[in-house]
């Protein structure tokens, strides 16, 4: 199997780090006007994936996040990424963002993140990666739809546009009369440029394709199941990923990705 570089692996966590901001209809919280929230979680996936691509390799990945969400809607987030490969160093990201419901039907979110790589890296540009995103969500009653505009900032910048559509379901009966069970199947589509290939392949391939052109990148269908008990949450997810418009050297293919997230939310009551 051809060995690729892993420059875009550190971008993996953006596929899920801010998903809560896109699915606020599925989260029950106390009024944000009186509380801040500290949210701690760990995520595991049996295969990294970015823009529908894994470069033909099955490399598990673990991420951990600590976020402080202010009642005003601003938040700070710190992320650590550990790729289960001894040759890949640990990676980190610091983020600042804002999310707000502007009505019962519409929500906005925006964030900027800066990546850091522990130690030295042989990948050009990895030490100075930034990620900017902004999006809007709308509740249609039948579906909850979001559109996200995302920019990858490096020597060869990328633009991504993702449209996601989901439906929230919650079981009437609680497990052991305490555990709330819900699931939210979703379908998403991504278009964008492909200059991230500069971070992921050998120099000899650069310039072979028009990676700066907008094109369809991938489609995904996910079925996450969430178990909630007090401030704890456990989400198990199966996701079907279909990459589109692959570079000729990219060995990515259609995959079923399995993963899970364990989270704990600490409400911080604000003084009046």
Foldseek 3Di string as FASTA:
>chain_A
DDDKFDLCLVVQCVVPVCVCLQPVVQDDDDQLVFWKKKKKKKKKKQAGADLLARLPDGKIKMKIKIKIAHSQFKMKMKMWIDIRDPVAFIKIKIKIKGKDDPDPFKIKIWMKMFMDTPDDDPFPFSHGKMKIKIKMWGCPVQKIKMWMWMWIDTPQIKIKIKIKIKGKDWDPAADVNFKTKIKIKMKMWMKMFQPCVSRMHDPVCPPVDRRHDIDTFKMKIKIWMWIDGVQKIKIKMWMWIATPDDDPSRPRGIDIMTMMMIMGMDIDGDDD
